[in-house]
């Protein structure tokens, strides 16, 4: 009876050990440099975008409000993981408490879901702008933008909270070493000696409800956009209309490509691909979109580009032109 009581009270570890990238421990220092460089670019780029959108009156439009949501999401998403990964690489600070691990897990999964939702909202924004240009400002008003943004955030939070509780309730008796740079839900659950079927099934359902739904909406939006662009009379009009979507299409590629790899690896390819490859891609999944989105939007969006040029040229009165 005493042994049973002891076993029941020792099912939750005080802390976990994040072991970094297994098999590449000797390369941690070298791997840290591109990670750190990308993180600095992500922080500077997204903070710069938020500054422009906040203080430049010509950017107070729905497209840029959604871009501000994306930048905020990217900042939280990469800041939830990269600082801890750099501490592992540089200072061998691998320990993380059980509660901190759950908090990190919540932020990672919530804001990756938020990232997907904002990309979906941006696709709908482009659909309204191209298919209903005369009603654009009346359909996407500031209250509507605030409501859909809040709904997207609440959707991610409400779907992820049960996953955190499923992970918290598990008994952990297979050690406390996580072969990862952050507390991924499945990596933590695999340390349990209990039944993790609920975690696997619910995780799959949450991914389908968020990612699957968003991809469907994005696909439908761009199908309608493509039909509208093809029906335009002149080639210049078609090129101009579709050019407003190029930055968003790049953001979709940067976000969903590594996400698909991680999703299919976790469920179908764990024996075919080295774990080190999976962990590197999992970090890129959280770091590549925050790094590339400000660059892509800065290069592809004329209004943002003009604001940046005029700020660096010392102009006090920034008067940007429409895209």
C-alpha atoms as a PDB file:
ATOM      1  CA  UNK A   1       0.000   0.000   0.000  1.00  0.00           C
ATOM      2  CA  UNK A   2       2.847   2.384   0.849  1.00  0.00           C
ATOM      3  CA  UNK A   3       4.468   1.707  -2.553  1.00  0.00           C
ATOM      4  CA  UNK A   4       1.178   2.435  -4.329  1.00  0.00           C
ATOM      5  CA  UNK A   5       0.828   5.755  -2.510  1.00  0.00           C
ATOM      6  CA  UNK A   6       4.425   6.674  -3.320  1.00  0.00           C
ATOM      7  CA  UNK A   7       3.911   5.795  -6.975  1.00  0.00           C
ATOM      8  CA  UNK A   8       0.752   7.906  -7.175  1.00  0.00           C
ATOM      9  CA  UNK A   9       2.481  10.924  -5.650  1.00  0.00           C
ATOM     10  CA  UNK A  10       5.509  10.653  -7.920  1.00  0.00           C
ATOM     11  CA  UNK A  11       3.730  10.677 -11.272  1.00  0.00           C
ATOM     12  CA  UNK A  12       4.377  14.360 -12.000  1.00  0.00           C
ATOM     13  CA  UNK A  13       8.039  15.382 -12.322  1.00  0.00           C
ATOM     14  CA  UNK A  14       9.182  18.638 -10.782  1.00  0.00           C
ATOM     15  CA  UNK A  15      10.978  19.504 -14.001  1.00  0.00           C
ATOM     16  CA  UNK A  16      11.941  18.261 -17.446  1.00  0.00           C
ATOM     17  CA  UNK A  17      15.297  18.331 -19.209  1.00  0.00           C
ATOM     18  CA  UNK A  18      15.165  19.731 -22.741  1.00  0.00           C
ATOM     19  CA  UNK A  19      17.981  17.889 -24.476  1.00  0.00           C
ATOM     20  CA  UNK A  20      18.201  20.111 -27.570  1.00  0.00           C
ATOM     21  CA  UNK A  21      18.797  18.364 -30.888  1.00  0.00           C
ATOM     22  CA  UNK A  22      19.738  14.705 -30.283  1.00  0.00           C
ATOM     23  CA  UNK A  23      22.717  13.506 -32.276  1.00  0.00           C
ATOM     24  CA  UNK A  24      23.901  17.047 -32.964  1.00  0.00           C
ATOM     25  CA  UNK A  25      24.978  18.084 -29.467  1.00  0.00           C
ATOM     26  CA  UNK A  26      28.471  18.943 -30.721  1.00  0.00           C
ATOM     27  CA  UNK A  27      26.920  21.246 -33.332  1.00  0.00           C
ATOM     28  CA  UNK A  28      24.683  23.197 -30.938  1.00  0.00           C
ATOM     29  CA  UNK A  29      26.932  26.246 -30.931  1.00  0.00           C
ATOM     30  CA  UNK A  30      27.018  26.414 -34.722  1.00  0.00           C
ATOM     31  CA  UNK A  31      23.285  25.792 -35.028  1.00  0.00           C
ATOM     32  CA  UNK A  32      22.614  28.625 -32.589  1.00  0.00           C
ATOM     33  CA  UNK A  33      24.022  31.312 -34.896  1.00  0.00           C
ATOM     34  CA  UNK A  34      21.393  31.043 -37.688  1.00  0.00           C
ATOM     35  CA  UNK A  35      18.695  30.615 -35.040  1.00  0.00           C
ATOM     36  CA  UNK A  36      19.822  33.764 -33.227  1.00  0.00           C
ATOM     37  CA  UNK A  37      20.206  35.742 -36.473  1.00  0.00           C
ATOM     38  CA  UNK A  38      16.717  34.789 -37.649  1.00  0.00           C
ATOM     39  CA  UNK A  39      15.264  35.640 -34.234  1.00  0.00           C
ATOM     40  CA  UNK A  40      16.845  39.105 -34.268  1.00  0.00           C
ATOM     41  CA  UNK A  41      15.525  39.730 -37.797  1.00  0.00           C
ATOM     42  CA  UNK A  42      12.071  38.536 -36.709  1.00  0.00           C
ATOM     43  CA  UNK A  43      12.006  40.830 -33.668  1.00  0.00           C
ATOM     44  CA  UNK A  44      13.262  43.894 -35.537  1.00  0.00           C
ATOM     45  CA  UNK A  45      11.099  43.282 -38.617  1.00  0.00           C
ATOM     46  CA  UNK A  46       7.831  42.623 -36.792  1.00  0.00           C
ATOM     47  CA  UNK A  47       8.338  45.445 -34.287  1.00  0.00           C
ATOM     48  CA  UNK A  48       9.099  47.738 -37.230  1.00  0.00           C
ATOM     49  CA  UNK A  49       5.911  46.678 -38.998  1.00  0.00           C
ATOM     50  CA  UNK A  50       3.857  47.269 -35.862  1.00  0.00           C
ATOM     51  CA  UNK A  51       5.414  50.725 -35.468  1.00  0.00           C
ATOM     52  CA  UNK A  52       4.593  51.660 -39.082  1.00  0.00           C
ATOM     53  CA  UNK A  53       1.021  50.394 -38.881  1.00  0.00           C
ATOM     54  CA  UNK A  54       0.432  52.129 -35.555  1.00  0.00           C
ATOM     55  CA  UNK A  55       1.803  55.570 -36.455  1.00  0.00           C
ATOM     56  CA  UNK A  56       1.257  55.859 -40.227  1.00  0.00           C
ATOM     57  CA  UNK A  57      -2.281  57.005 -41.016  1.00  0.00           C
ATOM     58  CA  UNK A  58      -2.212  55.654 -44.582  1.00  0.00           C
ATOM     59  CA  UNK A  59      -1.780  52.121 -43.164  1.00  0.00           C
ATOM     60  CA  UNK A  60      -4.930  52.300 -41.050  1.00  0.00           C
ATOM     61  CA  UNK A  61      -6.801  49.862 -43.291  1.00  0.00           C
ATOM     62  CA  UNK A  62      -8.059  46.328 -42.779  1.00  0.00           C
ATOM     63  CA  UNK A  63      -5.222  44.706 -44.744  1.00  0.00           C
ATOM     64  CA  UNK A  64      -2.648  46.266 -42.436  1.00  0.00           C
ATOM     65  CA  UNK A  65      -4.646  45.606 -39.281  1.00  0.00           C
ATOM     66  CA  UNK A  66      -4.589  41.906 -40.172  1.00  0.00           C
ATOM     67  CA  UNK A  67      -0.860  42.239 -40.868  1.00  0.00           C
ATOM     68  CA  UNK A  68      -0.430  43.753 -37.385  1.00  0.00           C
ATOM     69  CA  UNK A  69      -2.239  40.724 -35.922  1.00  0.00           C
ATOM     70  CA  UNK A  70       0.127  38.468 -37.851  1.00  0.00           C
ATOM     71  CA  UNK A  71       3.167  40.362 -36.569  1.00  0.00           C
ATOM     72  CA  UNK A  72       1.994  40.182 -32.947  1.00  0.00           C
ATOM     73  CA  UNK A  73       1.321  36.469 -33.343  1.00  0.00           C
ATOM     74  CA  UNK A  74       4.750  35.911 -34.885  1.00  0.00           C
ATOM     75  CA  UNK A  75       6.481  37.787 -32.060  1.00  0.00           C
ATOM     76  CA  UNK A  76       4.820  35.674 -29.375  1.00  0.00           C
ATOM     77  CA  UNK A  77       5.254  32.438 -31.333  1.00  0.00           C
ATOM     78  CA  UNK A  78       9.018  32.693 -31.833  1.00  0.00           C
ATOM     79  CA  UNK A  79       9.655  34.271 -28.411  1.00  0.00           C
ATOM     80  CA  UNK A  80       7.979  31.265 -26.755  1.00  0.00           C
ATOM     81  CA  UNK A  81      10.729  28.926 -27.954  1.00  0.00           C
ATOM     82  CA  UNK A  82      13.878  30.537 -29.366  1.00  0.00           C
ATOM     83  CA  UNK A  83      15.213  32.221 -26.170  1.00  0.00           C
ATOM     84  CA  UNK A  84      15.019  28.884 -24.324  1.00  0.00           C
ATOM     85  CA  UNK A  85      16.623  27.069 -27.288  1.00  0.00           C
ATOM     86  CA  UNK A  86      19.504  29.573 -27.268  1.00  0.00           C
ATOM     87  CA  UNK A  87      19.954  29.038 -23.516  1.00  0.00           C
ATOM     88  CA  UNK A  88      20.251  25.309 -24.214  1.00  0.00           C
ATOM     89  CA  UNK A  89      22.747  25.843 -27.037  1.00  0.00           C
ATOM     90  CA  UNK A  90      24.890  28.485 -25.318  1.00  0.00           C
ATOM     91  CA  UNK A  91      24.686  27.900 -21.573  1.00  0.00           C
ATOM     92  CA  UNK A  92      23.401  24.284 -21.291  1.00  0.00           C
ATOM     93  CA  UNK A  93      20.423  25.543 -19.281  1.00  0.00           C
ATOM     94  CA  UNK A  94      18.249  22.575 -20.124  1.00  0.00           C
ATOM     95  CA  UNK A  95      15.973  22.350 -17.104  1.00  0.00           C
ATOM     96  CA  UNK A  96      12.393  23.594 -17.303  1.00  0.00           C
ATOM     97  CA  UNK A  97       9.787  23.150 -14.563  1.00  0.00           C
ATOM     98  CA  UNK A  98       6.661  21.134 -15.232  1.00  0.00           C
ATOM     99  CA  UNK A  99       4.461  24.242 -14.961  1.00  0.00           C
ATOM    100  CA  UNK A 100       6.728  26.283 -17.249  1.00  0.00           C
ATOM    101  CA  UNK A 101       6.655  23.442 -19.741  1.00  0.00           C
ATOM    102  CA  UNK A 102       2.843  23.485 -19.805  1.00  0.00           C
ATOM    103  CA  UNK A 103       2.804  27.272 -20.186  1.00  0.00           C
ATOM    104  CA  UNK A 104       5.274  27.097 -23.067  1.00  0.00           C
ATOM    105  CA  UNK A 105       3.206  24.339 -24.659  1.00  0.00           C
ATOM    106  CA  UNK A 106       0.062  26.477 -24.367  1.00  0.00           C
ATOM    107  CA  UNK A 107       1.679  29.502 -26.020  1.00  0.00           C
ATOM    108  CA  UNK A 108       3.246  27.456 -28.820  1.00  0.00           C
ATOM    109  CA  UNK A 109       0.073  25.631 -29.822  1.00  0.00           C
ATOM    110  CA  UNK A 110      -2.250  28.593 -29.247  1.00  0.00           C
ATOM    111  CA  UNK A 111      -0.261  31.006 -31.364  1.00  0.00           C
ATOM    112  CA  UNK A 112       0.489  28.547 -34.148  1.00  0.00           C
ATOM    113  CA  UNK A 113      -3.289  28.141 -34.316  1.00  0.00           C
ATOM    114  CA  UNK A 114      -3.641  31.926 -34.238  1.00  0.00           C
ATOM    115  CA  UNK A 115      -1.111  32.221 -37.080  1.00  0.00           C
ATOM    116  CA  UNK A 116      -3.203  29.883 -39.231  1.00  0.00           C
ATOM    117  CA  UNK A 117      -6.372  31.791 -38.381  1.00  0.00           C
ATOM    118  CA  UNK A 118      -4.886  35.180 -39.253  1.00  0.00           C
ATOM    119  CA  UNK A 119      -3.638  33.851 -42.610  1.00  0.00           C
ATOM    120  CA  UNK A 120      -7.195  32.703 -43.267  1.00  0.00           C
ATOM    121  CA  UNK A 121      -8.565  36.158 -42.368  1.00  0.00           C
ATOM    122  CA  UNK A 122      -6.031  37.774 -44.686  1.00  0.00           C
ATOM    123  CA  UNK A 123      -7.189  35.520 -47.518  1.00  0.00           C
ATOM    124  CA  UNK A 124     -10.779  36.620 -46.896  1.00  0.00           C
ATOM    125  CA  UNK A 125      -9.577  40.234 -46.850  1.00  0.00           C
ATOM    126  CA  UNK A 126      -7.978  39.792 -50.298  1.00  0.00           C
ATOM    127  CA  UNK A 127     -11.176  38.109 -51.549  1.00  0.00           C
ATOM    128  CA  UNK A 128     -13.331  41.067 -50.485  1.00  0.00           C
ATOM    129  CA  UNK A 129     -10.802  43.590 -51.848  1.00  0.00           C
ATOM    130  CA  UNK A 130     -10.686  41.979 -55.310  1.00  0.00           C
ATOM    131  CA  UNK A 131     -14.218  40.635 -55.696  1.00  0.00           C
ATOM    132  CA  UNK A 132     -16.097  43.470 -53.937  1.00  0.00           C
ATOM    133  CA  UNK A 133     -13.791  46.520 -54.219  1.00  0.00           C
ATOM    134  CA  UNK A 134     -16.584  49.107 -53.945  1.00  0.00           C
ATOM    135  CA  UNK A 135     -17.888  47.576 -50.703  1.00  0.00           C
ATOM    136  CA  UNK A 136     -14.472  46.804 -49.222  1.00  0.00           C
ATOM    137  CA  UNK A 137     -14.445  49.584 -46.618  1.00  0.00           C
ATOM    138  CA  UNK A 138     -18.064  49.001 -45.608  1.00  0.00           C
ATOM    139  CA  UNK A 139     -17.715  45.218 -45.203  1.00  0.00           C
ATOM    140  CA  UNK A 140     -14.406  45.175 -43.312  1.00  0.00           C
ATOM    141  CA  UNK A 141     -15.018  47.916 -40.771  1.00  0.00           C
ATOM    142  CA  UNK A 142     -12.905  48.300 -37.633  1.00  0.00           C
ATOM    143  CA  UNK A 143     -15.509  46.617 -35.363  1.00  0.00           C
ATOM    144  CA  UNK A 144     -15.741  43.666 -37.745  1.00  0.00           C
ATOM    145  CA  UNK A 145     -11.941  43.332 -37.827  1.00  0.00           C
ATOM    146  CA  UNK A 146     -11.773  43.442 -34.019  1.00  0.00           C
ATOM    147  CA  UNK A 147     -14.509  40.804 -33.677  1.00  0.00           C
ATOM    148  CA  UNK A 148     -13.044  38.324 -36.171  1.00  0.00           C
ATOM    149  CA  UNK A 149      -9.573  38.810 -34.658  1.00  0.00           C
ATOM    150  CA  UNK A 150     -10.901  38.128 -31.161  1.00  0.00           C
ATOM    151  CA  UNK A 151     -12.894  35.121 -32.402  1.00  0.00           C
ATOM    152  CA  UNK A 152      -9.767  33.686 -34.034  1.00  0.00           C
ATOM    153  CA  UNK A 153      -7.796  34.070 -30.809  1.00  0.00           C
ATOM    154  CA  UNK A 154     -10.569  32.564 -28.649  1.00  0.00           C
ATOM    155  CA  UNK A 155     -10.921  29.636 -31.060  1.00  0.00           C
ATOM    156  CA  UNK A 156      -7.234  28.783 -30.609  1.00  0.00           C
ATOM    157  CA  UNK A 157      -7.347  29.215 -26.824  1.00  0.00           C
ATOM    158  CA  UNK A 158     -10.499  27.131 -26.312  1.00  0.00           C
ATOM    159  CA  UNK A 159      -9.234  24.301 -28.515  1.00  0.00           C
ATOM    160  CA  UNK A 160      -5.777  24.154 -26.931  1.00  0.00           C
ATOM    161  CA  UNK A 161      -6.740  24.367 -23.230  1.00  0.00           C
ATOM    162  CA  UNK A 162      -8.183  20.793 -23.162  1.00  0.00           C
ATOM    163  CA  UNK A 163      -4.960  19.513 -24.744  1.00  0.00           C
ATOM    164  CA  UNK A 164      -2.965  21.076 -21.893  1.00  0.00           C
ATOM    165  CA  UNK A 165      -5.229  19.424 -19.305  1.00  0.00           C
ATOM    166  CA  UNK A 166      -4.897  16.046 -21.048  1.00  0.00           C
ATOM    167  CA  UNK A 167      -1.113  16.418 -20.833  1.00  0.00           C
ATOM    168  CA  UNK A 168      -1.169  17.597 -17.210  1.00  0.00           C
ATOM    169  CA  UNK A 169      -3.216  14.629 -15.982  1.00  0.00           C
ATOM    170  CA  UNK A 170      -0.826  12.001 -17.402  1.00  0.00           C
ATOM    171  CA  UNK A 171       1.422   9.989 -15.065  1.00  0.00           C
ATOM    172  CA  UNK A 172       5.094  10.395 -16.019  1.00  0.00           C
ATOM    173  CA  UNK A 173       7.358   7.476 -15.199  1.00  0.00           C
ATOM    174  CA  UNK A 174       9.587   7.144 -18.298  1.00  0.00           C
ATOM    175  CA  UNK A 175      12.088   9.735 -17.164  1.00  0.00           C
ATOM    176  CA  UNK A 176      12.086  13.475 -17.610  1.00  0.00           C
ATOM    177  CA  UNK A 177      14.366  13.972 -20.632  1.00  0.00           C
ATOM    178  CA  UNK A 178      12.629  15.551 -23.643  1.00  0.00           C
ATOM    179  CA  UNK A 179      14.588  15.147 -26.858  1.00  0.00           C
ATOM    180  CA  UNK A 180      13.578  18.547 -28.178  1.00  0.00           C
ATOM    181  CA  UNK A 181      14.358  22.233 -27.772  1.00  0.00           C
ATOM    182  CA  UNK A 182      10.869  23.047 -26.486  1.00  0.00           C
ATOM    183  CA  UNK A 183       7.861  21.371 -24.858  1.00  0.00           C
ATOM    184  CA  UNK A 184       6.025  19.922 -27.811  1.00  0.00           C
ATOM    185  CA  UNK A 185       2.814  18.220 -26.727  1.00  0.00           C
ATOM    186  CA  UNK A 186       3.568  14.801 -28.221  1.00  0.00           C
ATOM    187  CA  UNK A 187       7.197  14.834 -27.068  1.00  0.00           C
ATOM    188  CA  UNK A 188       6.031  15.402 -23.492  1.00  0.00           C
ATOM    189  CA  UNK A 189       3.175  12.885 -23.690  1.00  0.00           C
ATOM    190  CA  UNK A 190       5.549  10.123 -24.879  1.00  0.00           C
ATOM    191  CA  UNK A 191       7.278  10.277 -21.474  1.00  0.00           C
ATOM    192  CA  UNK A 192       4.066   9.098 -19.854  1.00  0.00           C
ATOM    193  CA  UNK A 193       3.439   5.518 -18.822  1.00  0.00           C
ATOM    194  CA  UNK A 194      -0.297   6.150 -19.069  1.00  0.00           C
ATOM    195  CA  UNK A 195      -2.696   6.011 -21.992  1.00  0.00           C
ATOM    196  CA  UNK A 196      -1.968   8.920 -24.353  1.00  0.00           C
ATOM    197  CA  UNK A 197      -4.671   7.998 -26.876  1.00  0.00           C
ATOM    198  CA  UNK A 198      -6.800  10.988 -25.791  1.00  0.00           C
ATOM    199  CA  UNK A 199      -3.859  13.331 -26.410  1.00  0.00           C
ATOM    200  CA  UNK A 200      -3.210  11.898 -29.867  1.00  0.00           C
ATOM    201  CA  UNK A 201      -6.861  11.888 -30.951  1.00  0.00           C
ATOM    202  CA  UNK A 202      -7.667  15.327 -29.550  1.00  0.00           C
ATOM    203  CA  UNK A 203      -4.451  16.786 -30.964  1.00  0.00           C
ATOM    204  CA  UNK A 204      -5.409  15.483 -34.391  1.00  0.00           C
ATOM    205  CA  UNK A 205      -8.945  16.884 -34.036  1.00  0.00           C
ATOM    206  CA  UNK A 206      -7.638  20.302 -32.955  1.00  0.00           C
ATOM    207  CA  UNK A 207      -5.229  20.384 -35.906  1.00  0.00           C
ATOM    208  CA  UNK A 208      -8.046  19.544 -38.318  1.00  0.00           C
ATOM    209  CA  UNK A 209     -10.472  22.033 -36.760  1.00  0.00           C
ATOM    210  CA  UNK A 210      -7.917  24.828 -36.973  1.00  0.00           C
ATOM    211  CA  UNK A 211      -5.578  24.036 -39.849  1.00  0.00           C
ATOM    212  CA  UNK A 212      -8.029  22.030 -41.941  1.00  0.00           C
ATOM    213  CA  UNK A 213     -10.765  24.644 -41.702  1.00  0.00           C
ATOM    214  CA  UNK A 214      -8.367  27.512 -42.412  1.00  0.00           C
ATOM    215  CA  UNK A 215      -6.815  25.791 -45.441  1.00  0.00           C
ATOM    216  CA  UNK A 216     -10.296  25.117 -46.814  1.00  0.00           C
ATOM    217  CA  UNK A 217     -11.256  28.796 -46.431  1.00  0.00           C
ATOM    218  CA  UNK A 218      -7.979  29.935 -48.009  1.00  0.00           C
ATOM    219  CA  UNK A 219      -8.468  27.551 -50.942  1.00  0.00           C
ATOM    220  CA  UNK A 220     -12.047  28.709 -51.546  1.00  0.00           C
ATOM    221  CA  UNK A 221     -11.007  32.374 -51.258  1.00  0.00           C
ATOM    222  CA  UNK A 222      -8.219  32.049 -53.799  1.00  0.00           C
ATOM    223  CA  UNK A 223     -10.417  30.031 -56.143  1.00  0.00           C
ATOM    224  CA  UNK A 224     -12.902  32.913 -56.167  1.00  0.00           C
ATOM    225  CA  UNK A 225     -10.066  35.444 -56.496  1.00  0.00           C
ATOM    226  CA  UNK A 226      -8.608  33.567 -59.462  1.00  0.00           C
ATOM    227  CA  UNK A 227     -11.993  33.507 -61.191  1.00  0.00           C
ATOM    228  CA  UNK A 228     -12.446  37.237 -60.628  1.00  0.00           C
ATOM    229  CA  UNK A 229      -8.925  38.046 -61.876  1.00  0.00           C
ATOM    230  CA  UNK A 230      -9.329  35.941 -65.018  1.00  0.00           C
ATOM    231  CA  UNK A 231     -12.565  37.781 -65.851  1.00  0.00           C
ATOM    232  CA  UNK A 232     -10.862  41.191 -65.770  1.00  0.00           C
ATOM    233  CA  UNK A 233     -10.658  42.836 -69.177  1.00  0.00           C
ATOM    234  CA  UNK A 234      -7.025  43.992 -69.343  1.00  0.00           C
ATOM    235  CA  UNK A 235      -3.760  42.188 -68.601  1.00  0.00           C
ATOM    236  CA  UNK A 236      -2.550  45.152 -66.523  1.00  0.00           C
ATOM    237  CA  UNK A 237      -5.637  44.989 -64.323  1.00  0.00           C
ATOM    238  CA  UNK A 238      -5.169  41.255 -63.841  1.00  0.00           C
ATOM    239  CA  UNK A 239      -1.525  41.681 -62.925  1.00  0.00           C
ATOM    240  CA  UNK A 240      -2.245  44.524 -60.510  1.00  0.00           C
ATOM    241  CA  UNK A 241      -5.085  42.619 -58.833  1.00  0.00           C
ATOM    242  CA  UNK A 242      -3.095  39.444 -58.352  1.00  0.00           C
ATOM    243  CA  UNK A 243       0.069  41.278 -57.258  1.00  0.00           C
ATOM    244  CA  UNK A 244      -1.763  42.368 -54.105  1.00  0.00           C
ATOM    245  CA  UNK A 245      -1.902  38.667 -53.136  1.00  0.00           C
ATOM    246  CA  UNK A 246       1.734  37.684 -53.709  1.00  0.00           C
ATOM    247  CA  UNK A 247       2.971  38.625 -50.227  1.00  0.00           C
ATOM    248  CA  UNK A 248       0.124  36.693 -48.621  1.00  0.00           C
ATOM    249  CA  UNK A 249       0.778  33.631 -50.799  1.00  0.00           C
ATOM    250  CA  UNK A 250       4.442  33.713 -49.713  1.00  0.00           C
ATOM    251  CA  UNK A 251       3.352  33.925 -46.058  1.00  0.00           C
ATOM    252  CA  UNK A 252       1.122  30.873 -46.565  1.00  0.00           C
ATOM    253  CA  UNK A 253       3.992  28.886 -48.094  1.00  0.00           C
ATOM    254  CA  UNK A 254       6.412  29.844 -45.296  1.00  0.00           C
ATOM    255  CA  UNK A 255       3.888  28.905 -42.619  1.00  0.00           C
ATOM    256  CA  UNK A 256       2.232  25.740 -43.917  1.00  0.00           C
ATOM    257  CA  UNK A 257       5.192  23.974 -45.592  1.00  0.00           C
ATOM    258  CA  UNK A 258       7.129  23.187 -42.372  1.00  0.00           C
ATOM    259  CA  UNK A 259       3.807  22.712 -40.532  1.00  0.00           C
ATOM    260  CA  UNK A 260       2.815  19.892 -42.906  1.00  0.00           C
ATOM    261  CA  UNK A 261       6.222  18.255 -42.474  1.00  0.00           C
ATOM    262  CA  UNK A 262       5.958  18.314 -38.671  1.00  0.00           C
ATOM    263  CA  UNK A 263       2.358  17.075 -38.713  1.00  0.00           C
ATOM    264  CA  UNK A 264       3.011  14.074 -40.965  1.00  0.00           C
ATOM    265  CA  UNK A 265       6.315  13.227 -39.278  1.00  0.00           C
ATOM    266  CA  UNK A 266       4.721  13.087 -35.818  1.00  0.00           C
ATOM    267  CA  UNK A 267       2.034  10.707 -36.981  1.00  0.00           C
ATOM    268  CA  UNK A 268       3.414   8.697 -39.883  1.00  0.00           C
ATOM    269  CA  UNK A 269       7.144   9.179 -40.471  1.00  0.00           C
ATOM    270  CA  UNK A 270       8.868   8.906 -37.098  1.00  0.00           C
ATOM    271  CA  UNK A 271      10.843   5.835 -38.197  1.00  0.00           C
ATOM    272  CA  UNK A 272      11.805   7.123 -41.643  1.00  0.00           C
ATOM    273  CA  UNK A 273      13.298  10.525 -40.776  1.00  0.00           C
ATOM    274  CA  UNK A 274      16.065  11.179 -38.201  1.00  0.00           C
ATOM    275  CA  UNK A 275      14.762  12.913 -35.061  1.00  0.00           C
ATOM    276  CA  UNK A 276      17.367  15.673 -35.459  1.00  0.00           C
ATOM    277  CA  UNK A 277      15.874  16.577 -38.853  1.00  0.00           C
ATOM    278  CA  UNK A 278      12.388  16.724 -37.375  1.00  0.00           C
ATOM    279  CA  UNK A 279      13.473  18.952 -34.470  1.00  0.00           C
ATOM    280  CA  UNK A 280      15.312  21.376 -36.768  1.00  0.00           C
ATOM    281  CA  UNK A 281      12.244  21.655 -39.016  1.00  0.00           C
ATOM    282  CA  UNK A 282       9.996  22.052 -35.945  1.00  0.00           C
ATOM    283  CA  UNK A 283      12.089  25.050 -34.880  1.00  0.00           C
ATOM    284  CA  UNK A 284      12.098  26.443 -38.415  1.00  0.00           C
ATOM    285  CA  UNK A 285       8.301  26.096 -38.398  1.00  0.00           C
ATOM    286  CA  UNK A 286       8.161  28.539 -35.467  1.00  0.00           C
ATOM    287  CA  UNK A 287      10.973  30.786 -36.706  1.00  0.00           C
ATOM    288  CA  UNK A 288      10.724  31.009 -40.502  1.00  0.00           C
ATOM    289  CA  UNK A 289       7.317  32.784 -40.773  1.00  0.00           C
ATOM    290  CA  UNK A 290       8.204  35.489 -38.194  1.00  0.00           C
ATOM    291  CA  UNK A 291      11.505  36.070 -39.990  1.00  0.00           C
ATOM    292  CA  UNK A 292      10.249  36.120 -43.564  1.00  0.00           C
ATOM    293  CA  UNK A 293       6.821  37.771 -43.247  1.00  0.00           C
ATOM    294  CA  UNK A 294       8.140  41.312 -42.510  1.00  0.00           C
ATOM    295  CA  UNK A 295      10.705  40.978 -45.307  1.00  0.00           C
ATOM    296  CA  UNK A 296       8.166  39.750 -47.853  1.00  0.00           C
ATOM    297  CA  UNK A 297       5.569  42.381 -46.953  1.00  0.00           C
ATOM    298  CA  UNK A 298       8.226  45.085 -46.881  1.00  0.00           C
ATOM    299  CA  UNK A 299       9.456  44.155 -50.363  1.00  0.00           C
ATOM    300  CA  UNK A 300       6.146  43.278 -52.018  1.00  0.00           C
ATOM    301  CA  UNK A 301       3.881  45.963 -50.539  1.00  0.00           C
ATOM    302  CA  UNK A 302       4.502  49.360 -52.119  1.00  0.00           C
ATOM    303  CA  UNK A 303       2.818  51.330 -49.357  1.00  0.00           C
ATOM    304  CA  UNK A 304       4.988  49.794 -46.627  1.00  0.00           C
ATOM    305  CA  UNK A 305       8.087  50.083 -48.811  1.00  0.00           C
ATOM    306  CA  UNK A 306       7.471  53.775 -49.422  1.00  0.00           C
ATOM    307  CA  UNK A 307       6.975  54.420 -45.696  1.00  0.00           C
ATOM    308  CA  UNK A 308      10.262  52.687 -44.853  1.00  0.00           C
ATOM    309  CA  UNK A 309      12.170  54.564 -47.572  1.00  0.00           C
ATOM    310  CA  UNK A 310      10.809  57.931 -46.459  1.00  0.00           C
ATOM    311  CA  UNK A 311      11.568  57.227 -42.804  1.00  0.00           C
ATOM    312  CA  UNK A 312      15.173  56.324 -43.587  1.00  0.00           C
ATOM    313  CA  UNK A 313      15.505  59.274 -45.953  1.00  0.00           C
ATOM    314  CA  UNK A 314      14.578  61.600 -43.088  1.00  0.00           C
ATOM    315  CA  UNK A 315      11.202  62.737 -44.445  1.00  0.00           C
ATOM    316  CA  UNK A 316       8.921  63.995 -41.706  1.00  0.00           C
ATOM    317  CA  UNK A 317       5.726  63.903 -43.722  1.00  0.00           C
ATOM    318  CA  UNK A 318       5.119  60.387 -44.976  1.00  0.00           C
ATOM    319  CA  UNK A 319       2.525  60.372 -47.697  1.00  0.00           C
ATOM    320  CA  UNK A 320       2.311  56.895 -49.130  1.00  0.00           C
ATOM    321  CA  UNK A 321       0.509  55.903 -52.283  1.00  0.00           C
ATOM    322  CA  UNK A 322      -2.001  53.127 -52.544  1.00  0.00           C
ATOM    323  CA  UNK A 323      -0.884  49.697 -53.603  1.00  0.00           C
END
